[in-house]
Amino acid sequence: MTGFVTLAVGDERYYRLAANLLRSYRLNGNCNAPFAIFADRRNKYTDMFDKVIIMDHPALSYLDKLEMLNMPPYEHNIFIDADCLIYNDVALLLENSQLSGVRCYGKAHELISADGWFLLDDIGEYKDRIRFIPSMHGGIIFFAADALTQSIYNLALNIASNYQKYRFKYFEKPADEPILALSTAVNNCPPIDW
């Protein structure tokens, strides 16, 4: 089964954003796939969703987005940031949801490229393990309930805990996009070209 997913933890404003995302999906998405929410508590906003996954100890940071990969609610998941709205049919998203592992929209650049979230010489021990340098957007993340996703998740946690060993463009402090970019590249899981 394929389903949509969002995340709201901490301040109530994130729950309001998630509820607006869900309303826009139901109004404009032209889709009947279920919609789940990762949250740190149940409330009137989470009651609107088809499935609620409670995060017992949310980090209230980018780590919560990574943690979702460890507990996918559906076989194929389409994560959408809570601060987004849906204005059109989501059929294209459903087509891309059947891929394995973790994917975002973006580009897979050649190893010699200066584009992407990092340079080849800035990623330490992973330099010889990648075939492309990704640039991608973490506002929509496709992830499957499979071994490849688990491998990407485990490596992402390792990269996050050793973030200062590497250098990422535009991201001095840890963030989900560069961490996922490197982890997916090491696991040969390229972005979906857009």
N, C-alpha and C. Protein backbone atom coordinates (compact mmCIF):
# COMPACT_ATOMS: atom_id res chain seq x y z
N MET A 1 0.84 -1.18 0.00
CA MET A 1 0.00 0.00 0.00
C MET A 1 0.89 1.24 0.00
N THR A 2 0.46 2.25 -0.72
CA THR A 2 1.14 3.54 -0.75
C THR A 2 0.33 4.54 0.06
N GLY A 3 1.02 5.33 0.86
CA GLY A 3 0.34 6.36 1.64
C GLY A 3 1.20 7.60 1.76
N PHE A 4 0.55 8.69 2.09
CA PHE A 4 1.24 9.96 2.32
C PHE A 4 1.56 10.10 3.80
N VAL A 5 2.58 10.90 4.09
CA VAL A 5 3.07 11.06 5.45
C VAL A 5 3.50 12.51 5.65
N THR A 6 3.25 13.04 6.85
CA THR A 6 3.83 14.31 7.24
C THR A 6 4.29 14.21 8.68
N LEU A 7 4.86 15.30 9.19
CA LEU A 7 5.46 15.31 10.51
C LEU A 7 5.07 16.59 11.23
N ALA A 8 4.63 16.45 12.48
CA ALA A 8 4.36 17.61 13.33
C ALA A 8 4.70 17.24 14.77
N VAL A 9 5.69 17.92 15.32
CA VAL A 9 6.06 17.71 16.71
C VAL A 9 6.32 19.08 17.34
N GLY A 10 6.14 19.15 18.65
CA GLY A 10 6.44 20.39 19.34
C GLY A 10 5.29 21.38 19.30
N ASP A 11 5.58 22.58 18.86
CA ASP A 11 4.63 23.69 18.87
C ASP A 11 3.36 23.38 18.07
N GLU A 12 2.24 23.88 18.55
CA GLU A 12 0.94 23.64 17.90
C GLU A 12 0.90 24.15 16.46
N ARG A 13 1.70 25.15 16.14
CA ARG A 13 1.67 25.70 14.77
C ARG A 13 2.03 24.63 13.74
N TYR A 14 2.90 23.67 14.11
CA TYR A 14 3.26 22.61 13.18
C TYR A 14 2.06 21.69 12.93
N TYR A 15 1.25 21.50 13.95
CA TYR A 15 0.04 20.70 13.79
C TYR A 15 -0.97 21.42 12.90
N ARG A 16 -1.07 22.72 13.05
CA ARG A 16 -1.97 23.49 12.19
C ARG A 16 -1.52 23.42 10.74
N LEU A 17 -0.21 23.54 10.51
CA LEU A 17 0.32 23.41 9.15
C LEU A 17 0.00 22.04 8.57
N ALA A 18 0.22 21.00 9.36
CA ALA A 18 -0.06 19.63 8.90
C ALA A 18 -1.53 19.46 8.55
N ALA A 19 -2.41 20.04 9.36
CA ALA A 19 -3.85 19.95 9.10
C ALA A 19 -4.21 20.66 7.80
N ASN A 20 -3.57 21.80 7.54
CA ASN A 20 -3.82 22.52 6.28
C ASN A 20 -3.31 21.72 5.09
N LEU A 21 -2.16 21.07 5.23
CA LEU A 21 -1.65 20.20 4.18
C LEU A 21 -2.67 19.10 3.89
N LEU A 22 -3.18 18.47 4.92
CA LEU A 22 -4.15 17.38 4.74
C LEU A 22 -5.41 17.89 4.06
N ARG A 23 -5.90 19.06 4.48
CA ARG A 23 -7.10 19.63 3.84
C ARG A 23 -6.86 19.88 2.36
N SER A 24 -5.69 20.41 2.02
CA SER A 24 -5.39 20.70 0.61
C SER A 24 -5.29 19.40 -0.19
N TYR A 25 -4.75 18.36 0.42
CA TYR A 25 -4.67 17.05 -0.23
C TYR A 25 -6.07 16.53 -0.53
N ARG A 26 -6.93 16.59 0.44
CA ARG A 26 -8.29 16.07 0.25
C ARG A 26 -9.10 16.92 -0.71
N LEU A 27 -8.81 18.19 -0.79
CA LEU A 27 -9.54 19.09 -1.68
C LEU A 27 -9.03 19.02 -3.12
N ASN A 28 -7.71 18.96 -3.29
CA ASN A 28 -7.12 19.10 -4.62
C ASN A 28 -6.33 17.90 -5.12
N GLY A 29 -5.99 16.96 -4.26
CA GLY A 29 -5.07 15.89 -4.62
C GLY A 29 -5.60 14.85 -5.56
N ASN A 30 -6.94 14.73 -5.66
CA ASN A 30 -7.56 13.74 -6.54
C ASN A 30 -7.01 12.34 -6.29
N CYS A 31 -6.96 11.97 -5.01
CA CYS A 31 -6.35 10.70 -4.62
C CYS A 31 -7.03 10.20 -3.35
N ASN A 32 -7.13 8.88 -3.23
CA ASN A 32 -7.73 8.34 -2.01
C ASN A 32 -6.73 7.54 -1.18
N ALA A 33 -5.43 7.69 -1.44
CA ALA A 33 -4.41 7.02 -0.62
C ALA A 33 -4.48 7.57 0.80
N PRO A 34 -4.22 6.74 1.80
CA PRO A 34 -4.28 7.21 3.19
C PRO A 34 -3.17 8.21 3.48
N PHE A 35 -3.39 8.98 4.54
CA PHE A 35 -2.43 10.02 4.94
C PHE A 35 -2.13 9.85 6.43
N ALA A 36 -0.86 9.64 6.76
CA ALA A 36 -0.43 9.44 8.14
C ALA A 36 0.32 10.68 8.64
N ILE A 37 0.40 10.78 9.95
CA ILE A 37 1.18 11.85 10.57
C ILE A 37 2.06 11.26 11.66
N PHE A 38 3.32 11.67 11.67
CA PHE A 38 4.22 11.41 12.78
C PHE A 38 4.06 12.58 13.73
N ALA A 39 3.84 12.30 15.00
CA ALA A 39 3.56 13.35 15.97
C ALA A 39 4.11 12.96 17.34
N ASP A 40 4.16 13.94 18.23
CA ASP A 40 4.61 13.63 19.59
C ASP A 40 3.44 13.52 20.56
N ARG A 41 2.22 13.71 20.05
CA ARG A 41 1.03 13.58 20.90
C ARG A 41 -0.21 13.54 20.00
N ARG A 42 -1.27 13.02 20.55
CA ARG A 42 -2.56 13.05 19.86
C ARG A 42 -3.26 14.35 20.23
N ASN A 43 -4.00 14.90 19.25
CA ASN A 43 -4.77 16.12 19.49
C ASN A 43 -5.83 16.24 18.40
N LYS A 44 -6.54 17.34 18.37
CA LYS A 44 -7.62 17.50 17.40
C LYS A 44 -7.10 17.50 15.96
N TYR A 45 -5.85 17.85 15.76
CA TYR A 45 -5.27 17.86 14.42
C TYR A 45 -4.91 16.44 13.98
N THR A 46 -4.31 15.68 14.86
CA THR A 46 -3.93 14.31 14.48
C THR A 46 -5.16 13.45 14.26
N ASP A 47 -6.27 13.78 14.91
CA ASP A 47 -7.51 13.02 14.73
C ASP A 47 -8.02 13.08 13.29
N MET A 48 -7.57 14.05 12.52
CA MET A 48 -8.00 14.21 11.14
C MET A 48 -7.33 13.19 10.21
N PHE A 49 -6.21 12.64 10.63
CA PHE A 49 -5.40 11.78 9.77
C PHE A 49 -5.86 10.32 9.85
N ASP A 50 -5.51 9.56 8.81
CA ASP A 50 -5.88 8.14 8.75
C ASP A 50 -5.07 7.30 9.72
N LYS A 51 -3.84 7.73 9.99
CA LYS A 51 -2.96 6.96 10.87
C LYS A 51 -2.09 7.95 11.63
N VAL A 52 -1.87 7.67 12.92
CA VAL A 52 -1.02 8.52 13.75
C VAL A 52 0.09 7.65 14.31
N ILE A 53 1.33 8.08 14.09
CA ILE A 53 2.49 7.39 14.62
C ILE A 53 3.11 8.31 15.66
N ILE A 54 3.06 7.91 16.92
CA ILE A 54 3.58 8.73 18.00
C ILE A 54 5.08 8.50 18.14
N MET A 55 5.82 9.59 18.11
CA MET A 55 7.27 9.55 18.34
C MET A 55 7.46 9.80 19.84
N ASP A 56 7.93 8.79 20.54
CA ASP A 56 8.03 8.88 22.00
C ASP A 56 9.01 9.94 22.48
N HIS A 57 10.13 10.09 21.80
CA HIS A 57 11.16 11.04 22.23
C HIS A 57 11.65 11.85 21.03
N PRO A 58 10.81 12.71 20.48
CA PRO A 58 11.25 13.47 19.31
C PRO A 58 12.40 14.41 19.66
N ALA A 59 13.27 14.60 18.71
CA ALA A 59 14.42 15.48 18.90
C ALA A 59 14.07 16.94 18.65
N LEU A 60 12.91 17.18 18.02
CA LEU A 60 12.49 18.53 17.63
C LEU A 60 13.53 19.16 16.72
N SER A 61 14.04 18.35 15.79
CA SER A 61 15.04 18.82 14.83
C SER A 61 14.96 17.96 13.58
N TYR A 62 15.95 18.14 12.71
CA TYR A 62 16.04 17.36 11.48
C TYR A 62 16.07 15.86 11.76
N LEU A 63 16.50 15.47 12.96
CA LEU A 63 16.58 14.05 13.30
C LEU A 63 15.22 13.36 13.27
N ASP A 64 14.15 14.11 13.52
CA ASP A 64 12.81 13.51 13.49
C ASP A 64 12.45 13.07 12.07
N LYS A 65 12.89 13.84 11.09
CA LYS A 65 12.64 13.45 9.70
C LYS A 65 13.41 12.18 9.36
N LEU A 66 14.63 12.07 9.85
CA LEU A 66 15.39 10.85 9.63
C LEU A 66 14.74 9.67 10.36
N GLU A 67 14.24 9.90 11.56
CA GLU A 67 13.65 8.83 12.36
C GLU A 67 12.44 8.20 11.68
N MET A 68 11.73 8.97 10.88
CA MET A 68 10.58 8.42 10.15
C MET A 68 10.97 7.24 9.28
N LEU A 69 12.19 7.29 8.73
CA LEU A 69 12.65 6.22 7.85
C LEU A 69 12.73 4.88 8.58
N ASN A 70 12.88 4.93 9.89
CA ASN A 70 13.01 3.72 10.69
C ASN A 70 11.67 3.07 11.02
N MET A 71 10.57 3.77 10.76
CA MET A 71 9.25 3.22 11.08
C MET A 71 8.22 3.62 10.04
N PRO A 72 8.42 3.19 8.78
CA PRO A 72 7.49 3.57 7.72
C PRO A 72 6.08 3.02 7.99
N PRO A 73 5.07 3.87 7.91
CA PRO A 73 3.71 3.40 8.18
C PRO A 73 3.11 2.57 7.04
N TYR A 74 3.62 2.75 5.82
CA TYR A 74 3.09 2.05 4.65
C TYR A 74 4.23 1.34 3.92
N GLU A 75 3.89 0.46 3.01
CA GLU A 75 4.91 -0.21 2.20
C GLU A 75 5.70 0.81 1.38
N HIS A 76 4.98 1.76 0.79
CA HIS A 76 5.58 2.88 0.04
C HIS A 76 5.02 4.16 0.62
N ASN A 77 5.92 5.10 0.97
CA ASN A 77 5.54 6.32 1.68
C ASN A 77 5.97 7.55 0.91
N ILE A 78 5.11 8.55 0.91
CA ILE A 78 5.42 9.83 0.28
C ILE A 78 5.33 10.88 1.38
N PHE A 79 6.48 11.30 1.88
CA PHE A 79 6.53 12.33 2.91
C PHE A 79 6.43 13.69 2.26
N ILE A 80 5.59 14.56 2.83
CA ILE A 80 5.48 15.95 2.40
C ILE A 80 5.63 16.83 3.63
N ASP A 81 6.53 17.82 3.56
CA ASP A 81 6.70 18.75 4.68
C ASP A 81 5.37 19.38 5.04
N ALA A 82 5.16 19.57 6.33
CA ALA A 82 3.89 20.11 6.82
C ALA A 82 3.62 21.54 6.34
N ASP A 83 4.65 22.27 5.96
CA ASP A 83 4.44 23.65 5.52
C ASP A 83 4.14 23.75 4.02
N CYS A 84 3.76 22.64 3.41
CA CYS A 84 3.39 22.62 1.99
C CYS A 84 1.87 22.55 1.85
N LEU A 85 1.40 22.92 0.67
CA LEU A 85 -0.01 22.77 0.30
C LEU A 85 -0.07 22.08 -1.06
N ILE A 86 -1.13 21.34 -1.29
CA ILE A 86 -1.31 20.63 -2.55
C ILE A 86 -2.37 21.38 -3.36
N TYR A 87 -2.01 21.74 -4.59
CA TYR A 87 -2.92 22.50 -5.45
C TYR A 87 -3.43 21.70 -6.64
N ASN A 88 -2.80 20.56 -6.92
CA ASN A 88 -3.16 19.78 -8.10
C ASN A 88 -3.16 18.28 -7.79
N ASP A 89 -3.55 17.53 -8.78
CA ASP A 89 -3.55 16.08 -8.74
C ASP A 89 -2.16 15.57 -8.34
N VAL A 90 -2.10 14.56 -7.48
CA VAL A 90 -0.82 14.04 -7.01
C VAL A 90 -0.42 12.74 -7.72
N ALA A 91 -0.97 12.49 -8.90
CA ALA A 91 -0.69 11.25 -9.63
C ALA A 91 0.81 11.05 -9.88
N LEU A 92 1.53 12.12 -10.21
CA LEU A 92 2.97 12.00 -10.46
C LEU A 92 3.68 11.49 -9.21
N LEU A 93 3.27 11.94 -8.05
CA LEU A 93 3.89 11.47 -6.81
C LEU A 93 3.66 9.98 -6.63
N LEU A 94 2.47 9.52 -6.95
CA LEU A 94 2.16 8.10 -6.82
C LEU A 94 3.01 7.25 -7.76
N GLU A 95 3.26 7.76 -8.96
CA GLU A 95 4.09 7.03 -9.91
C GLU A 95 5.50 6.82 -9.38
N ASN A 96 6.05 7.83 -8.71
CA ASN A 96 7.42 7.76 -8.20
C ASN A 96 7.51 7.01 -6.87
N SER A 97 6.38 6.72 -6.26
CA SER A 97 6.40 6.13 -4.92
C SER A 97 6.78 4.66 -4.91
N GLN A 98 6.81 4.00 -6.04
CA GLN A 98 7.07 2.56 -6.06
C GLN A 98 8.56 2.21 -6.07
N LEU A 99 9.42 3.20 -6.03
CA LEU A 99 10.86 2.95 -6.02
C LEU A 99 11.29 2.41 -4.66
N SER A 100 12.39 1.69 -4.64
CA SER A 100 12.90 1.19 -3.36
C SER A 100 13.79 2.24 -2.71
N GLY A 101 14.05 2.05 -1.43
CA GLY A 101 14.95 2.94 -0.71
C GLY A 101 14.34 4.28 -0.41
N VAL A 102 15.20 5.30 -0.44
CA VAL A 102 14.81 6.67 -0.12
C VAL A 102 15.17 7.54 -1.32
N ARG A 103 14.20 8.32 -1.79
CA ARG A 103 14.42 9.19 -2.96
C ARG A 103 13.83 10.56 -2.69
N CYS A 104 14.47 11.56 -3.25
CA CYS A 104 13.95 12.93 -3.25
C CYS A 104 14.05 13.43 -4.69
N TYR A 105 13.38 14.53 -4.97
CA TYR A 105 13.55 15.15 -6.28
C TYR A 105 14.87 15.91 -6.28
N GLY A 106 15.57 15.83 -7.40
CA GLY A 106 16.84 16.52 -7.51
C GLY A 106 17.62 16.08 -8.72
N LYS A 107 18.92 16.13 -8.61
CA LYS A 107 19.82 15.77 -9.71
C LYS A 107 20.95 14.89 -9.17
N ALA A 108 21.39 13.97 -10.01
CA ALA A 108 22.58 13.17 -9.73
C ALA A 108 23.67 13.70 -10.65
N HIS A 109 24.63 14.41 -10.07
CA HIS A 109 25.71 15.03 -10.84
C HIS A 109 26.90 14.08 -10.95
N GLU A 110 27.72 14.31 -11.95
CA GLU A 110 28.95 13.53 -12.10
C GLU A 110 29.87 13.78 -10.92
N LEU A 111 30.75 12.83 -10.66
CA LEU A 111 31.64 12.94 -9.50
C LEU A 111 32.56 14.15 -9.56
N ILE A 112 32.87 14.62 -10.75
CA ILE A 112 33.77 15.78 -10.89
C ILE A 112 33.01 17.09 -10.80
N SER A 113 31.71 17.03 -10.66
CA SER A 113 30.88 18.22 -10.66
C SER A 113 31.09 19.07 -9.40
N ALA A 114 30.98 20.37 -9.59
CA ALA A 114 31.00 21.29 -8.45
C ALA A 114 29.59 21.55 -7.95
N ASP A 115 28.59 20.97 -8.63
CA ASP A 115 27.20 21.09 -8.19
C ASP A 115 26.92 20.00 -7.15
N GLY A 116 25.81 20.10 -6.50
CA GLY A 116 25.47 19.10 -5.49
C GLY A 116 25.74 19.61 -4.10
N TRP A 117 25.42 18.77 -3.10
CA TRP A 117 25.52 19.20 -1.70
C TRP A 117 26.92 19.04 -1.12
N PHE A 118 27.84 18.42 -1.86
CA PHE A 118 29.20 18.27 -1.36
C PHE A 118 30.14 18.05 -2.54
N LEU A 119 31.42 18.21 -2.28
CA LEU A 119 32.46 17.87 -3.25
C LEU A 119 33.04 16.52 -2.87
N LEU A 120 33.54 15.81 -3.83
CA LEU A 120 34.05 14.46 -3.61
C LEU A 120 35.11 14.42 -2.51
N ASP A 121 35.98 15.42 -2.46
CA ASP A 121 37.06 15.42 -1.47
C ASP A 121 36.60 15.80 -0.07
N ASP A 122 35.31 16.13 0.09
CA ASP A 122 34.81 16.59 1.40
C ASP A 122 34.06 15.52 2.18
N ILE A 123 34.01 14.29 1.68
CA ILE A 123 33.17 13.28 2.33
C ILE A 123 33.95 12.10 2.90
N GLY A 124 35.24 12.32 3.14
CA GLY A 124 36.05 11.35 3.86
C GLY A 124 35.99 9.94 3.31
N GLU A 125 35.71 9.00 4.19
CA GLU A 125 35.75 7.57 3.85
C GLU A 125 34.72 7.15 2.82
N TYR A 126 33.76 8.02 2.51
CA TYR A 126 32.72 7.66 1.53
C TYR A 126 33.10 8.02 0.10
N LYS A 127 34.22 8.70 -0.07
CA LYS A 127 34.66 9.18 -1.38
C LYS A 127 34.68 8.07 -2.45
N ASP A 128 35.16 6.91 -2.09
CA ASP A 128 35.30 5.82 -3.06
C ASP A 128 34.06 4.94 -3.15
N ARG A 129 33.00 5.30 -2.44
CA ARG A 129 31.80 4.45 -2.40
C ARG A 129 30.62 5.04 -3.16
N ILE A 130 30.81 6.20 -3.79
CA ILE A 130 29.68 6.82 -4.49
C ILE A 130 29.93 6.90 -5.99
N ARG A 131 28.84 6.96 -6.75
CA ARG A 131 28.91 7.04 -8.22
C ARG A 131 28.37 8.36 -8.75
N PHE A 132 27.80 9.18 -7.87
CA PHE A 132 27.22 10.47 -8.26
C PHE A 132 27.22 11.38 -7.04
N ILE A 133 27.09 12.67 -7.31
CA ILE A 133 26.96 13.66 -6.24
C ILE A 133 25.56 14.25 -6.36
N PRO A 134 24.73 14.06 -5.34
CA PRO A 134 23.35 14.52 -5.44
C PRO A 134 23.15 15.96 -4.98
N SER A 135 22.18 16.59 -5.59
CA SER A 135 21.55 17.78 -5.03
C SER A 135 20.07 17.42 -4.99
N MET A 136 19.41 17.73 -3.91
CA MET A 136 18.02 17.29 -3.78
C MET A 136 17.29 18.15 -2.77
N HIS A 137 15.99 18.07 -2.83
CA HIS A 137 15.13 18.84 -1.94
C HIS A 137 14.42 17.88 -1.01
N GLY A 138 14.48 18.14 0.30
CA GLY A 138 13.89 17.26 1.30
C GLY A 138 12.43 17.55 1.64
N GLY A 139 11.76 18.38 0.85
CA GLY A 139 10.35 18.69 1.12
C GLY A 139 9.41 17.56 0.75
N ILE A 140 9.84 16.72 -0.19
CA ILE A 140 9.10 15.51 -0.56
C ILE A 140 10.12 14.37 -0.56
N ILE A 141 9.85 13.36 0.26
CA ILE A 141 10.75 12.21 0.37
C ILE A 141 9.94 10.94 0.14
N PHE A 142 10.40 10.14 -0.79
CA PHE A 142 9.79 8.83 -1.03
C PHE A 142 10.62 7.81 -0.26
N PHE A 143 9.97 6.98 0.54
CA PHE A 143 10.72 5.92 1.23
C PHE A 143 9.87 4.67 1.35
N ALA A 144 10.54 3.55 1.22
CA ALA A 144 9.87 2.26 1.23
C ALA A 144 10.17 1.53 2.54
N ALA A 145 9.34 0.59 2.86
CA ALA A 145 9.58 -0.27 4.01
C ALA A 145 10.42 -1.45 3.52
N ASP A 146 11.71 -1.20 3.33
CA ASP A 146 12.58 -2.24 2.79
C ASP A 146 13.98 -2.15 3.39
N ALA A 147 14.81 -3.12 3.06
CA ALA A 147 16.17 -3.19 3.61
C ALA A 147 17.02 -2.02 3.15
N LEU A 148 16.82 -1.54 1.93
CA LEU A 148 17.59 -0.40 1.43
C LEU A 148 17.30 0.85 2.25
N THR A 149 16.05 1.09 2.57
CA THR A 149 15.70 2.24 3.42
C THR A 149 16.36 2.10 4.78
N GLN A 150 16.35 0.91 5.35
CA GLN A 150 16.97 0.69 6.66
C GLN A 150 18.46 0.95 6.60
N SER A 151 19.11 0.55 5.51
CA SER A 151 20.53 0.81 5.34
C SER A 151 20.81 2.31 5.24
N ILE A 152 19.96 3.02 4.49
CA ILE A 152 20.11 4.47 4.36
C ILE A 152 19.89 5.15 5.71
N TYR A 153 18.89 4.70 6.44
CA TYR A 153 18.61 5.25 7.77
C TYR A 153 19.81 5.06 8.71
N ASN A 154 20.33 3.84 8.78
CA ASN A 154 21.45 3.55 9.68
C ASN A 154 22.67 4.40 9.34
N LEU A 155 22.97 4.51 8.05
CA LEU A 155 24.11 5.32 7.65
C LEU A 155 23.85 6.80 7.92
N ALA A 156 22.63 7.26 7.71
CA ALA A 156 22.29 8.66 7.98
C ALA A 156 22.54 9.01 9.45
N LEU A 157 22.18 8.12 10.35
CA LEU A 157 22.45 8.37 11.77
C LEU A 157 23.94 8.46 12.05
N ASN A 158 24.72 7.61 11.40
CA ASN A 158 26.17 7.64 11.57
C ASN A 158 26.76 8.95 11.03
N ILE A 159 26.28 9.36 9.87
CA ILE A 159 26.76 10.62 9.29
C ILE A 159 26.37 11.79 10.19
N ALA A 160 25.14 11.77 10.71
CA ALA A 160 24.68 12.84 11.59
C ALA A 160 25.54 12.94 12.85
N SER A 161 25.89 11.79 13.42
CA SER A 161 26.67 11.82 14.66
C SER A 161 28.13 12.20 14.42
N ASN A 162 28.57 12.15 13.18
CA ASN A 162 29.95 12.53 12.83
C ASN A 162 29.97 13.69 11.84
N TYR A 163 28.95 14.52 11.87
CA TYR A 163 28.73 15.55 10.85
C TYR A 163 29.97 16.44 10.63
N GLN A 164 30.68 16.77 11.70
CA GLN A 164 31.81 17.70 11.58
C GLN A 164 33.01 17.10 10.84
N LYS A 165 32.99 15.80 10.61
CA LYS A 165 34.07 15.16 9.84
C LYS A 165 33.97 15.48 8.35
N TYR A 166 32.81 15.92 7.92
CA TYR A 166 32.55 16.14 6.50
C TYR A 166 32.25 17.61 6.26
N ARG A 167 32.27 17.98 4.99
CA ARG A 167 31.93 19.36 4.65
C ARG A 167 30.83 19.33 3.59
N PHE A 168 29.74 20.03 3.89
CA PHE A 168 28.61 20.11 2.97
C PHE A 168 28.39 21.56 2.57
N LYS A 169 28.12 21.78 1.32
CA LYS A 169 27.82 23.13 0.84
C LYS A 169 26.51 23.60 1.46
N TYR A 170 26.47 24.84 1.85
CA TYR A 170 25.26 25.50 2.33
C TYR A 170 24.77 24.99 3.69
N PHE A 171 25.41 24.00 4.28
CA PHE A 171 24.90 23.40 5.51
C PHE A 171 26.04 23.25 6.53
N GLU A 172 26.37 24.33 7.23
CA GLU A 172 27.39 24.23 8.27
C GLU A 172 26.91 23.36 9.42
N LYS A 173 25.65 23.52 9.76
CA LYS A 173 25.06 22.72 10.84
C LYS A 173 24.31 21.55 10.25
N PRO A 174 24.19 20.46 11.00
CA PRO A 174 23.49 19.28 10.47
C PRO A 174 22.07 19.58 10.00
N ALA A 175 21.70 18.97 8.89
CA ALA A 175 20.36 19.11 8.32
C ALA A 175 20.03 17.82 7.58
N ASP A 176 18.74 17.57 7.40
CA ASP A 176 18.34 16.31 6.77
C ASP A 176 18.81 16.20 5.32
N GLU A 177 18.78 17.28 4.55
CA GLU A 177 19.10 17.18 3.12
C GLU A 177 20.53 16.72 2.85
N PRO A 178 21.58 17.34 3.41
CA PRO A 178 22.92 16.85 3.10
C PRO A 178 23.18 15.45 3.66
N ILE A 179 22.62 15.15 4.81
CA ILE A 179 22.81 13.83 5.39
C ILE A 179 22.16 12.77 4.51
N LEU A 180 20.93 13.01 4.08
CA LEU A 180 20.27 12.07 3.18
C LEU A 180 20.97 12.01 1.83
N ALA A 181 21.48 13.14 1.36
CA ALA A 181 22.18 13.15 0.08
C ALA A 181 23.38 12.20 0.12
N LEU A 182 24.19 12.29 1.16
CA LEU A 182 25.35 11.43 1.25
C LEU A 182 24.95 9.98 1.49
N SER A 183 24.01 9.75 2.38
CA SER A 183 23.60 8.38 2.69
C SER A 183 22.97 7.69 1.48
N THR A 184 22.14 8.42 0.72
CA THR A 184 21.54 7.80 -0.47
C THR A 184 22.59 7.58 -1.56
N ALA A 185 23.56 8.48 -1.67
CA ALA A 185 24.62 8.29 -2.67
C ALA A 185 25.46 7.05 -2.35
N VAL A 186 25.82 6.89 -1.09
CA VAL A 186 26.60 5.71 -0.69
C VAL A 186 25.83 4.43 -0.97
N ASN A 187 24.50 4.49 -0.83
CA ASN A 187 23.65 3.32 -1.07
C ASN A 187 23.14 3.25 -2.51
N ASN A 188 23.76 4.04 -3.40
CA ASN A 188 23.41 4.05 -4.83
C ASN A 188 21.93 4.20 -5.08
N CYS A 189 21.36 5.20 -4.45
CA CYS A 189 19.91 5.47 -4.53
C CYS A 189 19.76 6.91 -5.04
N PRO A 190 19.85 7.13 -6.35
CA PRO A 190 19.89 8.48 -6.89
C PRO A 190 18.55 9.23 -6.75
N PRO A 191 18.65 10.56 -6.78
CA PRO A 191 17.42 11.37 -6.74
C PRO A 191 16.57 11.12 -7.98
N ILE A 192 15.32 11.51 -7.87
CA ILE A 192 14.41 11.47 -9.01
C ILE A 192 14.61 12.77 -9.78
N ASP A 193 15.03 12.65 -11.02
CA ASP A 193 15.34 13.83 -11.84
C ASP A 193 14.11 14.69 -12.03
N TRP A 194 14.27 15.99 -11.86
CA TRP A 194 13.13 16.90 -12.09
C TRP A 194 13.49 18.01 -12.99
